Amino acid sequence: MIDIYSRKIVGWQVYEQESSALAADLMTDICRHEGIKRNQVTLHSDNGSPMKGATILATLQELGVIPSFSRPYVSNDNPHLKSLFRTLKYPPE
């Protein structure tokens, strides 16, 4: 996860599978570590099932994080994350 204003990586985890529960755990950890208050941030994500699952949505509501989703079939809705992925895949030498 990246804060698009500061470009700070605020959290990351790698698992063998995707799930709404794992995404919820990550968001809980980030909110605690970063001291995020209710209604302070918006989480923008794709339309994947882990990010639209009941567990993550309930966790976001409990944490006071506002969910936002990309428009279906629009690949450039999240250019900040696409740029980060490119940097991770092809780091400057």
N, C-alpha and C. Protein backbone atom coordinates (compact mmCIF):
# COMPACT_ATOMS: atom_id res chain seq x y z
N MET A 1 0.85 -1.17 0.00
CA MET A 1 0.00 0.00 0.00
C MET A 1 0.89 1.23 0.00
N ILE A 2 0.47 2.22 -0.76
CA ILE A 2 1.25 3.44 -0.89
C ILE A 2 0.37 4.65 -0.59
N ASP A 3 0.93 5.60 0.13
CA ASP A 3 0.27 6.88 0.34
C ASP A 3 0.59 7.72 -0.89
N ILE A 4 -0.41 8.04 -1.70
CA ILE A 4 -0.12 8.71 -2.98
C ILE A 4 0.35 10.15 -2.81
N TYR A 5 0.11 10.74 -1.65
CA TYR A 5 0.55 12.12 -1.46
C TYR A 5 2.03 12.20 -1.07
N SER A 6 2.45 11.31 -0.18
CA SER A 6 3.85 11.34 0.25
C SER A 6 4.70 10.33 -0.52
N ARG A 7 4.07 9.42 -1.24
CA ARG A 7 4.75 8.31 -1.94
C ARG A 7 5.39 7.33 -0.98
N LYS A 8 4.98 7.37 0.28
CA LYS A 8 5.51 6.47 1.29
C LYS A 8 4.83 5.12 1.19
N ILE A 9 5.61 4.06 1.22
CA ILE A 9 5.04 2.71 1.31
C ILE A 9 4.62 2.53 2.76
N VAL A 10 3.32 2.42 3.00
CA VAL A 10 2.82 2.33 4.36
C VAL A 10 2.62 0.90 4.82
N GLY A 11 2.62 -0.04 3.90
CA GLY A 11 2.47 -1.44 4.28
C GLY A 11 2.53 -2.37 3.09
N TRP A 12 3.00 -3.58 3.36
CA TRP A 12 3.01 -4.60 2.33
C TRP A 12 3.12 -5.97 2.99
N GLN A 13 2.53 -6.95 2.33
CA GLN A 13 2.61 -8.34 2.77
C GLN A 13 2.49 -9.22 1.54
N VAL A 14 3.10 -10.39 1.58
CA VAL A 14 3.06 -11.34 0.47
C VAL A 14 2.53 -12.66 0.99
N TYR A 15 1.54 -13.20 0.30
CA TYR A 15 0.93 -14.48 0.66
C TYR A 15 0.84 -15.36 -0.57
N GLU A 16 0.60 -16.63 -0.35
CA GLU A 16 0.44 -17.57 -1.47
C GLU A 16 -0.92 -17.46 -2.12
N GLN A 17 -1.90 -16.88 -1.41
CA GLN A 17 -3.24 -16.72 -1.96
C GLN A 17 -3.81 -15.37 -1.56
N GLU A 18 -4.85 -14.95 -2.28
CA GLU A 18 -5.54 -13.69 -1.96
C GLU A 18 -6.76 -14.01 -1.11
N SER A 19 -7.05 -13.12 -0.17
CA SER A 19 -8.30 -13.28 0.58
C SER A 19 -8.67 -11.94 1.21
N SER A 20 -9.94 -11.79 1.45
CA SER A 20 -10.46 -10.58 2.08
C SER A 20 -9.96 -10.48 3.52
N ALA A 21 -9.81 -11.61 4.19
CA ALA A 21 -9.34 -11.60 5.58
C ALA A 21 -7.89 -11.12 5.67
N LEU A 22 -7.04 -11.54 4.73
CA LEU A 22 -5.65 -11.10 4.73
C LEU A 22 -5.55 -9.60 4.43
N ALA A 23 -6.38 -9.12 3.51
CA ALA A 23 -6.41 -7.68 3.21
C ALA A 23 -6.88 -6.89 4.43
N ALA A 24 -7.84 -7.44 5.16
CA ALA A 24 -8.33 -6.78 6.37
C ALA A 24 -7.23 -6.71 7.43
N ASP A 25 -6.47 -7.78 7.58
CA ASP A 25 -5.35 -7.78 8.54
C ASP A 25 -4.32 -6.72 8.16
N LEU A 26 -4.01 -6.62 6.88
CA LEU A 26 -3.04 -5.62 6.41
C LEU A 26 -3.53 -4.21 6.72
N MET A 27 -4.78 -3.91 6.42
CA MET A 27 -5.31 -2.57 6.68
C MET A 27 -5.34 -2.25 8.18
N THR A 28 -5.67 -3.23 9.00
CA THR A 28 -5.67 -3.02 10.44
C THR A 28 -4.26 -2.68 10.93
N ASP A 29 -3.27 -3.44 10.44
CA ASP A 29 -1.88 -3.18 10.82
C ASP A 29 -1.44 -1.78 10.38
N ILE A 30 -1.79 -1.40 9.16
CA ILE A 30 -1.39 -0.09 8.63
C ILE A 30 -2.02 1.03 9.45
N CYS A 31 -3.30 0.92 9.74
CA CYS A 31 -3.99 1.98 10.49
C CYS A 31 -3.40 2.13 11.88
N ARG A 32 -3.05 1.02 12.52
CA ARG A 32 -2.44 1.10 13.86
C ARG A 32 -1.05 1.71 13.77
N HIS A 33 -0.24 1.22 12.84
CA HIS A 33 1.14 1.67 12.72
C HIS A 33 1.24 3.14 12.34
N GLU A 34 0.36 3.58 11.44
CA GLU A 34 0.41 4.96 10.95
C GLU A 34 -0.44 5.93 11.77
N GLY A 35 -1.18 5.43 12.75
CA GLY A 35 -2.00 6.30 13.59
C GLY A 35 -3.15 6.95 12.82
N ILE A 36 -3.76 6.20 11.93
CA ILE A 36 -4.83 6.74 11.08
C ILE A 36 -6.13 6.84 11.89
N LYS A 37 -6.75 8.01 11.81
CA LYS A 37 -8.00 8.25 12.52
C LYS A 37 -9.19 7.99 11.59
N ARG A 38 -10.36 7.88 12.16
CA ARG A 38 -11.59 7.62 11.39
C ARG A 38 -11.81 8.72 10.35
N ASN A 39 -12.23 8.33 9.17
CA ASN A 39 -12.56 9.23 8.06
C ASN A 39 -11.38 10.10 7.63
N GLN A 40 -10.17 9.65 7.89
CA GLN A 40 -8.98 10.40 7.52
C GLN A 40 -8.45 9.99 6.15
N VAL A 41 -8.66 8.74 5.76
CA VAL A 41 -8.10 8.25 4.50
C VAL A 41 -9.14 7.52 3.67
N THR A 42 -8.83 7.43 2.37
CA THR A 42 -9.62 6.65 1.42
C THR A 42 -8.73 5.57 0.86
N LEU A 43 -9.22 4.35 0.82
CA LEU A 43 -8.48 3.24 0.23
C LEU A 43 -9.02 3.01 -1.17
N HIS A 44 -8.19 3.28 -2.18
CA HIS A 44 -8.59 3.04 -3.57
C HIS A 44 -8.00 1.72 -4.01
N SER A 45 -8.83 0.86 -4.55
CA SER A 45 -8.36 -0.46 -4.96
C SER A 45 -9.07 -0.89 -6.25
N ASP A 46 -8.61 -2.03 -6.76
CA ASP A 46 -9.25 -2.59 -7.95
C ASP A 46 -10.56 -3.27 -7.52
N ASN A 47 -11.20 -3.93 -8.46
CA ASN A 47 -12.48 -4.58 -8.18
C ASN A 47 -12.33 -6.06 -7.86
N GLY A 48 -11.14 -6.48 -7.45
CA GLY A 48 -10.90 -7.88 -7.12
C GLY A 48 -11.71 -8.32 -5.92
N SER A 49 -12.02 -9.61 -5.88
CA SER A 49 -12.85 -10.13 -4.79
C SER A 49 -12.24 -9.94 -3.41
N PRO A 50 -10.89 -10.02 -3.23
CA PRO A 50 -10.37 -9.78 -1.89
C PRO A 50 -10.66 -8.36 -1.37
N MET A 51 -10.69 -7.38 -2.26
CA MET A 51 -10.92 -6.01 -1.84
C MET A 51 -12.39 -5.63 -1.76
N LYS A 52 -13.26 -6.50 -2.27
CA LYS A 52 -14.71 -6.24 -2.18
C LYS A 52 -15.42 -7.23 -1.27
N GLY A 53 -14.62 -8.10 -0.64
CA GLY A 53 -15.19 -9.11 0.25
C GLY A 53 -15.78 -8.50 1.51
N ALA A 54 -16.69 -9.24 2.12
CA ALA A 54 -17.38 -8.76 3.33
C ALA A 54 -16.42 -8.48 4.47
N THR A 55 -15.37 -9.30 4.60
CA THR A 55 -14.44 -9.13 5.71
C THR A 55 -13.69 -7.81 5.62
N ILE A 56 -13.14 -7.49 4.45
CA ILE A 56 -12.39 -6.24 4.31
C ILE A 56 -13.32 -5.03 4.41
N LEU A 57 -14.50 -5.13 3.82
CA LEU A 57 -15.44 -4.00 3.88
C LEU A 57 -15.89 -3.72 5.31
N ALA A 58 -16.14 -4.79 6.10
CA ALA A 58 -16.52 -4.60 7.51
C ALA A 58 -15.36 -4.00 8.29
N THR A 59 -14.13 -4.45 8.00
CA THR A 59 -12.95 -3.92 8.68
C THR A 59 -12.75 -2.44 8.34
N LEU A 60 -12.91 -2.09 7.06
CA LEU A 60 -12.77 -0.69 6.66
C LEU A 60 -13.79 0.19 7.37
N GLN A 61 -15.01 -0.31 7.47
CA GLN A 61 -16.05 0.46 8.16
C GLN A 61 -15.69 0.62 9.64
N GLU A 62 -15.21 -0.44 10.26
CA GLU A 62 -14.82 -0.37 11.67
C GLU A 62 -13.65 0.60 11.88
N LEU A 63 -12.70 0.63 10.94
CA LEU A 63 -11.53 1.51 11.04
C LEU A 63 -11.84 2.94 10.63
N GLY A 64 -12.96 3.14 9.94
CA GLY A 64 -13.30 4.47 9.45
C GLY A 64 -12.55 4.83 8.18
N VAL A 65 -12.15 3.81 7.41
CA VAL A 65 -11.47 4.02 6.14
C VAL A 65 -12.52 3.98 5.03
N ILE A 66 -12.49 4.97 4.16
CA ILE A 66 -13.49 5.09 3.09
C ILE A 66 -13.04 4.26 1.88
N PRO A 67 -13.83 3.27 1.45
CA PRO A 67 -13.44 2.48 0.29
C PRO A 67 -13.75 3.20 -1.03
N SER A 68 -12.89 2.99 -2.01
CA SER A 68 -13.06 3.54 -3.35
C SER A 68 -12.59 2.46 -4.33
N PHE A 69 -13.31 2.29 -5.44
CA PHE A 69 -12.96 1.22 -6.38
C PHE A 69 -12.77 1.77 -7.78
N SER A 70 -11.88 1.13 -8.52
CA SER A 70 -11.67 1.48 -9.92
C SER A 70 -12.94 1.20 -10.71
N ARG A 71 -13.10 1.91 -11.80
CA ARG A 71 -14.24 1.64 -12.67
C ARG A 71 -13.97 0.35 -13.43
N PRO A 72 -15.00 -0.46 -13.64
CA PRO A 72 -14.81 -1.72 -14.37
C PRO A 72 -14.24 -1.47 -15.78
N TYR A 73 -13.26 -2.28 -16.15
CA TYR A 73 -12.64 -2.28 -17.48
C TYR A 73 -11.89 -0.99 -17.80
N VAL A 74 -11.48 -0.25 -16.77
CA VAL A 74 -10.68 0.96 -16.97
C VAL A 74 -9.31 0.70 -16.33
N SER A 75 -8.32 0.43 -17.16
CA SER A 75 -7.02 0.00 -16.65
C SER A 75 -6.18 1.14 -16.10
N ASN A 76 -6.50 2.38 -16.43
CA ASN A 76 -5.66 3.50 -15.98
C ASN A 76 -6.31 4.30 -14.84
N ASP A 77 -7.20 3.68 -14.09
CA ASP A 77 -7.88 4.36 -12.99
C ASP A 77 -6.96 4.57 -11.79
N ASN A 78 -5.86 3.85 -11.73
CA ASN A 78 -4.96 3.95 -10.58
C ASN A 78 -3.53 4.12 -11.07
N PRO A 79 -3.20 5.25 -11.70
CA PRO A 79 -1.88 5.42 -12.29
C PRO A 79 -0.75 5.43 -11.27
N HIS A 80 -1.03 5.84 -10.03
CA HIS A 80 0.02 5.87 -9.01
C HIS A 80 0.52 4.46 -8.70
N LEU A 81 -0.43 3.52 -8.59
CA LEU A 81 -0.04 2.15 -8.29
C LEU A 81 0.62 1.50 -9.49
N LYS A 82 0.13 1.78 -10.69
CA LYS A 82 0.75 1.24 -11.90
C LYS A 82 2.21 1.72 -11.99
N SER A 83 2.45 2.96 -11.64
CA SER A 83 3.81 3.50 -11.66
C SER A 83 4.68 2.79 -10.62
N LEU A 84 4.13 2.54 -9.44
CA LEU A 84 4.88 1.82 -8.41
C LEU A 84 5.24 0.42 -8.89
N PHE A 85 4.28 -0.29 -9.49
CA PHE A 85 4.55 -1.64 -9.98
C PHE A 85 5.68 -1.62 -11.02
N ARG A 86 5.66 -0.65 -11.88
CA ARG A 86 6.73 -0.55 -12.89
C ARG A 86 8.09 -0.35 -12.22
N THR A 87 8.13 0.51 -11.20
CA THR A 87 9.38 0.74 -10.47
C THR A 87 9.86 -0.53 -9.79
N LEU A 88 8.93 -1.30 -9.20
CA LEU A 88 9.32 -2.54 -8.54
C LEU A 88 9.81 -3.60 -9.53
N LYS A 89 9.19 -3.64 -10.70
CA LYS A 89 9.57 -4.65 -11.71
C LYS A 89 10.88 -4.30 -12.41
N TYR A 90 11.10 -3.01 -12.64
CA TYR A 90 12.28 -2.56 -13.39
C TYR A 90 12.98 -1.45 -12.62
N PRO A 91 13.69 -1.80 -11.53
CA PRO A 91 14.35 -0.75 -10.74
C PRO A 91 15.48 -0.09 -11.54
N PRO A 92 15.69 1.20 -11.33
CA PRO A 92 16.77 1.88 -12.04
C PRO A 92 18.12 1.29 -11.60
N GLU A 93 19.02 1.19 -12.51
CA GLU A 93 20.33 0.59 -12.22
C GLU A 93 21.33 1.65 -11.83
